[in-house]
PDB file of N, CA and C in Angstrom:
ATOM      1  N   MET A   1     106.523  32.516   9.656  1.00  0.00           N
ATOM      2  CA  MET A   1     106.443  33.195   8.389  1.00  0.00           C
ATOM      3  C   MET A   1     105.038  33.024   7.833  1.00  0.00           C
ATOM      4  N   SER A   2     104.466  34.079   7.309  1.00  0.00           N
ATOM      5  CA  SER A   2     103.125  34.028   6.763  1.00  0.00           C
ATOM      6  C   SER A   2     103.149  33.459   5.349  1.00  0.00           C
ATOM      7  N   SER A   3     102.002  32.978   4.937  1.00  0.00           N
ATOM      8  CA  SER A   3     101.886  32.394   3.602  1.00  0.00           C
ATOM      9  C   SER A   3     101.747  33.506   2.568  1.00  0.00           C
ATOM     10  N   PRO A   4     102.387  33.356   1.391  1.00  0.00           N
ATOM     11  CA  PRO A   4     102.206  34.345   0.335  1.00  0.00           C
ATOM     12  C   PRO A   4     100.856  34.198  -0.364  1.00  0.00           C
ATOM     13  N   LEU A   5     100.099  33.158  -0.028  1.00  0.00           N
ATOM     14  CA  LEU A   5      98.786  32.963  -0.625  1.00  0.00           C
ATOM     15  C   LEU A   5      97.753  33.836   0.076  1.00  0.00           C
ATOM     16  N   THR A   6      96.763  34.276  -0.671  1.00  0.00           N
ATOM     17  CA  THR A   6      95.672  35.070  -0.103  1.00  0.00           C
ATOM     18  C   THR A   6      94.816  34.171   0.781  1.00  0.00           C
ATOM     19  N   PRO A   7      93.983  34.754   1.647  1.00  0.00           N
ATOM     20  CA  PRO A   7      93.088  33.924   2.463  1.00  0.00           C
ATOM     21  C   PRO A   7      92.179  33.028   1.606  1.00  0.00           C
ATOM     22  N   GLU A   8      91.727  33.527   0.476  1.00  0.00           N
ATOM     23  CA  GLU A   8      90.887  32.721  -0.413  1.00  0.00           C
ATOM     24  C   GLU A   8      91.672  31.536  -0.985  1.00  0.00           C
ATOM     25  N   GLU A   9      92.920  31.795  -1.371  1.00  0.00           N
ATOM     26  CA  GLU A   9      93.762  30.719  -1.886  1.00  0.00           C
ATOM     27  C   GLU A   9      94.077  29.705  -0.794  1.00  0.00           C
ATOM     28  N   GLN A  10      94.290  30.175   0.414  1.00  0.00           N
ATOM     29  CA  GLN A  10      94.544  29.275   1.536  1.00  0.00           C
ATOM     30  C   GLN A  10      93.336  28.365   1.781  1.00  0.00           C
ATOM     31  N   GLN A  11      92.124  28.891   1.586  1.00  0.00           N
ATOM     32  CA  GLN A  11      90.914  28.074   1.726  1.00  0.00           C
ATOM     33  C   GLN A  11      90.870  26.978   0.665  1.00  0.00           C
ATOM     34  N   VAL A  12      91.266  27.322  -0.557  1.00  0.00           N
ATOM     35  CA  VAL A  12      91.308  26.324  -1.632  1.00  0.00           C
ATOM     36  C   VAL A  12      92.284  25.214  -1.256  1.00  0.00           C
ATOM     37  N   VAL A  13      93.479  25.596  -0.807  1.00  0.00           N
ATOM     38  CA  VAL A  13      94.484  24.600  -0.410  1.00  0.00           C
ATOM     39  C   VAL A  13      93.944  23.733   0.722  1.00  0.00           C
ATOM     40  N   ALA A  14      93.321  24.338   1.705  1.00  0.00           N
ATOM     41  CA  ALA A  14      92.787  23.591   2.851  1.00  0.00           C
ATOM     42  C   ALA A  14      91.746  22.565   2.416  1.00  0.00           C
ATOM     43  N   LYS A  15      90.992  22.863   1.384  1.00  0.00           N
ATOM     44  CA  LYS A  15      89.955  21.958   0.896  1.00  0.00           C
ATOM     45  C   LYS A  15      90.546  20.669   0.307  1.00  0.00           C
ATOM     46  N   PHE A  16      91.783  20.745  -0.168  1.00  0.00           N
ATOM     47  CA  PHE A  16      92.388  19.600  -0.848  1.00  0.00           C
ATOM     48  C   PHE A  16      93.529  18.951  -0.066  1.00  0.00           C
ATOM     49  N   THR A  17      93.779  19.406   1.165  1.00  0.00           N
ATOM     50  CA  THR A  17      94.860  18.843   1.974  1.00  0.00           C
ATOM     51  C   THR A  17      94.322  18.333   3.310  1.00  0.00           C
ATOM     52  N   ASP A  18      95.087  17.403   3.887  1.00  0.00           N
ATOM     53  CA  ASP A  18      94.728  16.902   5.208  1.00  0.00           C
ATOM     54  C   ASP A  18      95.444  17.726   6.280  1.00  0.00           C
ATOM     55  N   ASP A  19      95.351  17.283   7.524  1.00  0.00           N
ATOM     56  CA  ASP A  19      95.949  18.019   8.641  1.00  0.00           C
ATOM     57  C   ASP A  19      97.465  18.123   8.559  1.00  0.00           C
ATOM     58  N   GLN A  20      98.112  17.180   7.848  1.00  0.00           N
ATOM     59  CA  GLN A  20      99.563  17.206   7.690  1.00  0.00           C
ATOM     60  C   GLN A  20      99.995  17.950   6.419  1.00  0.00           C
ATOM     61  N   GLY A  21      99.045  18.508   5.692  1.00  0.00           N
ATOM     62  CA  GLY A  21      99.369  19.255   4.487  1.00  0.00           C
ATOM     63  C   GLY A  21      99.520  18.398   3.239  1.00  0.00           C
ATOM     64  N   ARG A  22      99.191  17.098   3.348  1.00  0.00           N
ATOM     65  CA  ARG A  22      99.259  16.206   2.184  1.00  0.00           C
ATOM     66  C   ARG A  22      97.990  16.352   1.355  1.00  0.00           C
ATOM     67  N   LEU A  23      98.156  16.311   0.064  1.00  0.00           N
ATOM     68  CA  LEU A  23      97.006  16.394  -0.841  1.00  0.00           C
ATOM     69  C   LEU A  23      96.249  15.069  -0.833  1.00  0.00           C
ATOM     70  N   HIS A  24      94.958  15.126  -0.548  1.00  0.00           N
ATOM     71  CA  HIS A  24      94.154  13.902  -0.637  1.00  0.00           C
ATOM     72  C   HIS A  24      93.521  13.801  -2.015  1.00  0.00           C
ATOM     73  N   THR A  25      93.440  14.929  -2.721  1.00  0.00           N
ATOM     74  CA  THR A  25      92.874  14.973  -4.067  1.00  0.00           C
ATOM     75  C   THR A  25      93.551  16.092  -4.838  1.00  0.00           C
ATOM     76  N   LEU A  26      93.772  15.874  -6.110  1.00  0.00           N
ATOM     77  CA  LEU A  26      94.230  16.950  -6.978  1.00  0.00           C
ATOM     78  C   LEU A  26      92.999  17.570  -7.623  1.00  0.00           C
ATOM     79  N   PRO A  27      92.839  18.879  -7.533  1.00  0.00           N
ATOM     80  CA  PRO A  27      91.651  19.518  -8.089  1.00  0.00           C
ATOM     81  C   PRO A  27      91.528  19.280  -9.597  1.00  0.00           C
ATOM     82  N   SER A  28      90.317  19.081 -10.053  1.00  0.00           N
ATOM     83  CA  SER A  28      90.093  18.925 -11.491  1.00  0.00           C
ATOM     84  C   SER A  28      89.900  20.282 -12.167  1.00  0.00           C
ATOM     85  N   LYS A  29      89.409  21.250 -11.425  1.00  0.00           N
ATOM     86  CA  LYS A  29      89.230  22.597 -11.983  1.00  0.00           C
ATOM     87  C   LYS A  29      90.598  23.276 -12.064  1.00  0.00           C
ATOM     88  N   ARG A  30      90.946  23.749 -13.248  1.00  0.00           N
ATOM     89  CA  ARG A  30      92.286  24.302 -13.487  1.00  0.00           C
ATOM     90  C   ARG A  30      92.633  25.437 -12.535  1.00  0.00           C
ATOM     91  N   SER A  31      91.717  26.349 -12.280  1.00  0.00           N
ATOM     92  CA  SER A  31      92.024  27.487 -11.406  1.00  0.00           C
ATOM     93  C   SER A  31      92.391  27.028 -10.004  1.00  0.00           C
ATOM     94  N   LYS A  32      91.714  26.011  -9.508  1.00  0.00           N
ATOM     95  CA  LYS A  32      92.026  25.492  -8.171  1.00  0.00           C
ATOM     96  C   LYS A  32      93.320  24.687  -8.195  1.00  0.00           C
ATOM     97  N   LEU A  33      93.551  23.942  -9.278  1.00  0.00           N
ATOM     98  CA  LEU A  33      94.796  23.189  -9.405  1.00  0.00           C
ATOM     99  C   LEU A  33      95.992  24.134  -9.378  1.00  0.00           C
ATOM    100  N   LEU A  34      95.882  25.268 -10.051  1.00  0.00           N
ATOM    101  CA  LEU A  34      96.986  26.236 -10.073  1.00  0.00           C
ATOM    102  C   LEU A  34      97.270  26.787  -8.675  1.00  0.00           C
ATOM    103  N   VAL A  35      96.239  26.997  -7.884  1.00  0.00           N
ATOM    104  CA  VAL A  35      96.431  27.469  -6.503  1.00  0.00           C
ATOM    105  C   VAL A  35      97.159  26.395  -5.685  1.00  0.00           C
ATOM    106  N   VAL A  36      96.733  25.153  -5.824  1.00  0.00           N
ATOM    107  CA  VAL A  36      97.365  24.054  -5.088  1.00  0.00           C
ATOM    108  C   VAL A  36      98.812  23.876  -5.542  1.00  0.00           C
ATOM    109  N   LEU A  37      99.056  23.960  -6.842  1.00  0.00           N
ATOM    110  CA  LEU A  37     100.425  23.831  -7.348  1.00  0.00           C
ATOM    111  C   LEU A  37     101.306  24.971  -6.860  1.00  0.00           C
ATOM    112  N   ASP A  38     100.759  26.174  -6.792  1.00  0.00           N
ATOM    113  CA  ASP A  38     101.516  27.312  -6.266  1.00  0.00           C
ATOM    114  C   ASP A  38     101.912  27.024  -4.818  1.00  0.00           C
ATOM    115  N   HIS A  39     100.985  26.467  -4.067  1.00  0.00           N
ATOM    116  CA  HIS A  39     101.271  26.098  -2.674  1.00  0.00           C
ATOM    117  C   HIS A  39     102.428  25.089  -2.607  1.00  0.00           C
ATOM    118  N   VAL A  40     102.393  24.090  -3.458  1.00  0.00           N
ATOM    119  CA  VAL A  40     103.448  23.070  -3.486  1.00  0.00           C
ATOM    120  C   VAL A  40     104.775  23.696  -3.908  1.00  0.00           C
ATOM    121  N   ALA A  41     104.729  24.595  -4.871  1.00  0.00           N
ATOM    122  CA  ALA A  41     105.958  25.239  -5.373  1.00  0.00           C
ATOM    123  C   ALA A  41     106.673  26.025  -4.283  1.00  0.00           C
ATOM    124  N   GLN A  42     105.958  26.442  -3.260  1.00  0.00           N
ATOM    125  CA  GLN A  42     106.571  27.205  -2.161  1.00  0.00           C
ATOM    126  C   GLN A  42     107.650  26.394  -1.442  1.00  0.00           C
ATOM    127  N   ALA A  43     107.612  25.079  -1.580  1.00  0.00           N
ATOM    128  CA  ALA A  43     108.623  24.231  -0.929  1.00  0.00           C
ATOM    129  C   ALA A  43     109.993  24.373  -1.585  1.00  0.00           C
ATOM    130  N   PHE A  44     110.036  24.917  -2.794  1.00  0.00           N
ATOM    131  CA  PHE A  44     111.286  25.036  -3.543  1.00  0.00           C
ATOM    132  C   PHE A  44     111.787  26.473  -3.515  1.00  0.00           C
ATOM    133  N   GLU A  45     113.074  26.630  -3.231  1.00  0.00           N
ATOM    134  CA  GLU A  45     113.688  27.958  -3.166  1.00  0.00           C
ATOM    135  C   GLU A  45     113.936  28.496  -4.570  1.00  0.00           C
ATOM    136  N   LEU A  46     113.656  29.763  -4.745  1.00  0.00           N
ATOM    137  CA  LEU A  46     114.012  30.424  -6.000  1.00  0.00           C
ATOM    138  C   LEU A  46     115.527  30.476  -6.117  1.00  0.00           C
ATOM    139  N   GLY A  47     116.045  30.264  -7.312  1.00  0.00           N
ATOM    140  CA  GLY A  47     117.479  30.368  -7.541  1.00  0.00           C
ATOM    141  C   GLY A  47     118.270  29.120  -7.194  1.00  0.00           C
ATOM    142  N   ARG A  48     117.596  28.064  -6.771  1.00  0.00           N
ATOM    143  CA  ARG A  48     118.292  26.826  -6.410  1.00  0.00           C
ATOM    144  C   ARG A  48     117.889  25.727  -7.380  1.00  0.00           C
ATOM    145  N   THR A  49     118.826  24.870  -7.736  1.00  0.00           N
ATOM    146  CA  THR A  49     118.510  23.723  -8.582  1.00  0.00           C
ATOM    147  C   THR A  49     118.382  22.476  -7.718  1.00  0.00           C
ATOM    148  N   TYR A  50     117.563  21.553  -8.199  1.00  0.00           N
ATOM    149  CA  TYR A  50     117.283  20.325  -7.465  1.00  0.00           C
ATOM    150  C   TYR A  50     117.399  19.124  -8.402  1.00  0.00           C
ATOM    151  N   PRO A  51     118.144  18.107  -8.023  1.00  0.00           N
ATOM    152  CA  PRO A  51     118.143  16.874  -8.819  1.00  0.00           C
ATOM    153  C   PRO A  51     116.759  16.221  -8.707  1.00  0.00           C
ATOM    154  N   GLU A  52     116.402  15.462  -9.727  1.00  0.00           N
ATOM    155  CA  GLU A  52     115.068  14.859  -9.759  1.00  0.00           C
ATOM    156  C   GLU A  52     114.778  14.027  -8.513  1.00  0.00           C
ATOM    157  N   ALA A  53     115.757  13.316  -7.997  1.00  0.00           N
ATOM    158  CA  ALA A  53     115.544  12.493  -6.802  1.00  0.00           C
ATOM    159  C   ALA A  53     115.127  13.352  -5.607  1.00  0.00           C
ATOM    160  N   GLU A  54     115.726  14.518  -5.459  1.00  0.00           N
ATOM    161  CA  GLU A  54     115.357  15.407  -4.350  1.00  0.00           C
ATOM    162  C   GLU A  54     113.965  15.994  -4.567  1.00  0.00           C
ATOM    163  N   VAL A  55     113.647  16.346  -5.812  1.00  0.00           N
ATOM    164  CA  VAL A  55     112.302  16.842  -6.134  1.00  0.00           C
ATOM    165  C   VAL A  55     111.274  15.772  -5.762  1.00  0.00           C
ATOM    166  N   ASN A  56     111.540  14.533  -6.150  1.00  0.00           N
ATOM    167  CA  ASN A  56     110.618  13.436  -5.831  1.00  0.00           C
ATOM    168  C   ASN A  56     110.429  13.292  -4.328  1.00  0.00           C
ATOM    169  N   GLU A  57     111.525  13.360  -3.596  1.00  0.00           N
ATOM    170  CA  GLU A  57     111.459  13.248  -2.138  1.00  0.00           C
ATOM    171  C   GLU A  57     110.611  14.370  -1.535  1.00  0.00           C
ATOM    172  N   MET A  58     110.799  15.574  -2.031  1.00  0.00           N
ATOM    173  CA  MET A  58     110.034  16.718  -1.521  1.00  0.00           C
ATOM    174  C   MET A  58     108.556  16.604  -1.895  1.00  0.00           C
ATOM    175  N   LEU A  59     108.275  16.196  -3.118  1.00  0.00           N
ATOM    176  CA  LEU A  59     106.890  16.091  -3.571  1.00  0.00           C
ATOM    177  C   LEU A  59     106.151  14.949  -2.889  1.00  0.00           C
ATOM    178  N   LEU A  60     106.872  13.921  -2.482  1.00  0.00           N
ATOM    179  CA  LEU A  60     106.255  12.794  -1.789  1.00  0.00           C
ATOM    180  C   LEU A  60     105.598  13.239  -0.480  1.00  0.00           C
ATOM    181  N   ARG A  61     106.066  14.331   0.076  1.00  0.00           N
ATOM    182  CA  ARG A  61     105.447  14.888   1.297  1.00  0.00           C
ATOM    183  C   ARG A  61     104.035  15.392   1.020  1.00  0.00           C
ATOM    184  N   TYR A  62     103.747  15.676  -0.263  1.00  0.00           N
ATOM    185  CA  TYR A  62     102.446  16.226  -0.643  1.00  0.00           C
ATOM    186  C   TYR A  62     101.513  15.196  -1.259  1.00  0.00           C
ATOM    187  N   HIS A  63     102.079  14.260  -2.050  1.00  0.00           N
ATOM    188  CA  HIS A  63     101.219  13.318  -2.779  1.00  0.00           C
ATOM    189  C   HIS A  63     102.070  12.158  -3.283  1.00  0.00           C
ATOM    190  N   PRO A  64     101.517  10.942  -3.303  1.00  0.00           N
ATOM    191  CA  PRO A  64     102.319   9.796  -3.760  1.00  0.00           C
ATOM    192  C   PRO A  64     102.643   9.812  -5.258  1.00  0.00           C
ATOM    193  N   ASP A  65     101.842  10.495  -6.070  1.00  0.00           N
ATOM    194  CA  ASP A  65     102.096  10.535  -7.512  1.00  0.00           C
ATOM    195  C   ASP A  65     103.030  11.705  -7.837  1.00  0.00           C
ATOM    196  N   VAL A  66     104.317  11.520  -7.529  1.00  0.00           N
ATOM    197  CA  VAL A  66     105.292  12.599  -7.709  1.00  0.00           C
ATOM    198  C   VAL A  66     105.503  12.921  -9.185  1.00  0.00           C
ATOM    199  N   ALA A  67     105.374  11.935 -10.064  1.00  0.00           N
ATOM    200  CA  ALA A  67     105.552  12.184 -11.495  1.00  0.00           C
ATOM    201  C   ALA A  67     104.482  13.143 -12.005  1.00  0.00           C
ATOM    202  N   ALA A  68     103.252  12.948 -11.574  1.00  0.00           N
ATOM    203  CA  ALA A  68     102.170  13.856 -11.980  1.00  0.00           C
ATOM    204  C   ALA A  68     102.414  15.259 -11.434  1.00  0.00           C
ATOM    205  N   LEU A  69     102.800  15.352 -10.164  1.00  0.00           N
ATOM    206  CA  LEU A  69     103.064  16.675  -9.583  1.00  0.00           C
ATOM    207  C   LEU A  69     104.198  17.383 -10.302  1.00  0.00           C
ATOM    208  N   ARG A  70     105.274  16.671 -10.614  1.00  0.00           N
ATOM    209  CA  ARG A  70     106.394  17.288 -11.364  1.00  0.00           C
ATOM    210  C   ARG A  70     105.896  17.815 -12.701  1.00  0.00           C
ATOM    211  N   ARG A  71     105.143  16.974 -13.409  1.00  0.00           N
ATOM    212  CA  ARG A  71     104.628  17.364 -14.725  1.00  0.00           C
ATOM    213  C   ARG A  71     103.715  18.591 -14.607  1.00  0.00           C
ATOM    214  N   TYR A  72     102.809  18.581 -13.645  1.00  0.00           N
ATOM    215  CA  TYR A  72     101.900  19.719 -13.451  1.00  0.00           C
ATOM    216  C   TYR A  72     102.668  20.998 -13.109  1.00  0.00           C
ATOM    217  N   LEU A  73     103.675  20.899 -12.266  1.00  0.00           N
ATOM    218  CA  LEU A  73     104.464  22.081 -11.899  1.00  0.00           C
ATOM    219  C   LEU A  73     105.184  22.667 -13.112  1.00  0.00           C
ATOM    220  N   VAL A  74     105.699  21.806 -13.971  1.00  0.00           N
ATOM    221  CA  VAL A  74     106.382  22.277 -15.181  1.00  0.00           C
ATOM    222  C   VAL A  74     105.365  22.859 -16.161  1.00  0.00           C
ATOM    223  N   GLU A  75     104.239  22.163 -16.372  1.00  0.00           N
ATOM    224  CA  GLU A  75     103.214  22.648 -17.295  1.00  0.00           C
ATOM    225  C   GLU A  75     102.641  23.991 -16.856  1.00  0.00           C
ATOM    226  N   ALA A  76     102.532  24.200 -15.540  1.00  0.00           N
ATOM    227  CA  ALA A  76     102.001  25.454 -15.003  1.00  0.00           C
ATOM    228  C   ALA A  76     103.057  26.555 -14.963  1.00  0.00           C
ATOM    229  N   GLN A  77     104.249  26.252 -15.440  1.00  0.00           N
ATOM    230  CA  GLN A  77     105.382  27.178 -15.467  1.00  0.00           C
ATOM    231  C   GLN A  77     105.741  27.691 -14.070  1.00  0.00           C
ATOM    232  N   LEU A  78     105.632  26.786 -13.113  1.00  0.00           N
ATOM    233  CA  LEU A  78     106.096  27.075 -11.759  1.00  0.00           C
ATOM    234  C   LEU A  78     107.501  26.527 -11.558  1.00  0.00           C
ATOM    235  N   MET A  79     107.829  25.481 -12.332  1.00  0.00           N
ATOM    236  CA  MET A  79     109.168  24.902 -12.306  1.00  0.00           C
ATOM    237  C   MET A  79     109.590  24.610 -13.742  1.00  0.00           C
ATOM    238  N   ASP A  80     110.884  24.518 -13.929  1.00  0.00           N
ATOM    239  CA  ASP A  80     111.428  24.130 -15.226  1.00  0.00           C
ATOM    240  C   ASP A  80     112.415  23.004 -15.001  1.00  0.00           C
ATOM    241  N   ARG A  81     112.805  22.323 -16.081  1.00  0.00           N
ATOM    242  CA  ARG A  81     113.726  21.195 -15.935  1.00  0.00           C
ATOM    243  C   ARG A  81     114.600  21.062 -17.172  1.00  0.00           C
ATOM    244  N   ARG A  82     115.755  20.504 -16.939  1.00  0.00           N
ATOM    245  CA  ARG A  82     116.676  20.144 -18.018  1.00  0.00           C
ATOM    246  C   ARG A  82     117.630  19.096 -17.460  1.00  0.00           C
ATOM    247  N   ASP A  83     117.805  18.008 -18.209  1.00  0.00           N
ATOM    248  CA  ASP A  83     118.741  16.943 -17.825  1.00  0.00           C
ATOM    249  C   ASP A  83     118.521  16.446 -16.395  1.00  0.00           C
ATOM    250  N   ASN A  84     117.265  16.213 -16.037  1.00  0.00           N
ATOM    251  CA  ASN A  84     116.892  15.701 -14.709  1.00  0.00           C
ATOM    252  C   ASN A  84     117.250  16.648 -13.566  1.00  0.00           C
ATOM    253  N   VAL A  85     117.363  17.928 -13.866  1.00  0.00           N
ATOM    254  CA  VAL A  85     117.566  18.964 -12.852  1.00  0.00           C
ATOM    255  C   VAL A  85     116.395  19.930 -12.953  1.00  0.00           C
ATOM    256  N   TYR A  86     115.829  20.295 -11.806  1.00  0.00           N
ATOM    257  CA  TYR A  86     114.654  21.155 -11.741  1.00  0.00           C
ATOM    258  C   TYR A  86     114.992  22.428 -10.984  1.00  0.00           C
ATOM    259  N   TRP A  87     114.260  23.504 -11.297  1.00  0.00           N
ATOM    260  CA  TRP A  87     114.372  24.749 -10.554  1.00  0.00           C
ATOM    261  C   TRP A  87     113.042  25.482 -10.645  1.00  0.00           C
ATOM    262  N   ARG A  88     112.761  26.245  -9.617  1.00  0.00           N
ATOM    263  CA  ARG A  88     111.507  27.005  -9.550  1.00  0.00           C
ATOM    264  C   ARG A  88     111.641  28.254 -10.405  1.00  0.00           C
ATOM    265  N   ILE A  89     110.600  28.501 -11.211  1.00  0.00           N
ATOM    266  CA  ILE A  89     110.606  29.682 -12.084  1.00  0.00           C
ATOM    267  C   ILE A  89     109.387  30.572 -11.902  1.00  0.00           C
ATOM    268  N   GLY A  90     108.475  30.193 -11.014  1.00  0.00           N
ATOM    269  CA  GLY A  90     107.253  30.983 -10.863  1.00  0.00           C
ATOM    270  C   GLY A  90     106.604  30.757  -9.524  1.00  0.00           C
ATOM    271  N   GLY A  91     105.414  31.303  -9.417  1.00  0.00           N
ATOM    272  CA  GLY A  91     104.638  31.181  -8.183  1.00  0.00           C
ATOM    273  C   GLY A  91     104.753  32.442  -7.350  1.00  0.00           C
ATOM    274  N   THR A  92     103.907  32.506  -6.354  1.00  0.00           N
ATOM    275  CA  THR A  92     103.917  33.664  -5.469  1.00  0.00           C
ATOM    276  C   THR A  92     105.146  33.619  -4.571  1.00  0.00           C
ATOM    277  N   VAL A  93     105.570  34.800  -4.166  1.00  0.00           N
ATOM    278  CA  VAL A  93     106.759  34.925  -3.326  1.00  0.00           C
ATOM    279  C   VAL A  93     106.398  35.764  -2.117  1.00  0.00           C
ATOM    280  N   ASP A  94     106.834  35.321  -0.965  1.00  0.00           N
ATOM    281  CA  ASP A  94     106.637  36.085   0.268  1.00  0.00           C
ATOM    282  C   ASP A  94     107.709  37.163   0.336  1.00  0.00           C
ATOM    283  N   VAL A  95     107.281  38.429   0.293  1.00  0.00           N
ATOM    284  CA  VAL A  95     108.252  39.533   0.310  1.00  0.00           C
ATOM    285  C   VAL A  95     108.248  40.253   1.636  1.00  0.00           C
TER     286      VAL A  95
END
């Protein structure tokens, strides 16, 4: 399956990830952070809810600071949460 990210966005992601796709750095520039967060959000299915423990487990594949990633995903309106349940609400979609 191809990535829903543009080639330019894929280059941004590649700059901040290692060979296994783990983030070695979170971008400080907001535009690049949003691209990286969109990439991370692709791990979550639209229309599905996730308990916080599962979100943490999935985010750990990308970066050890899962609390920061959860917060960034919610702030960027890529995910939403209520009562320790999360769901994806944004990001690019492969059609």
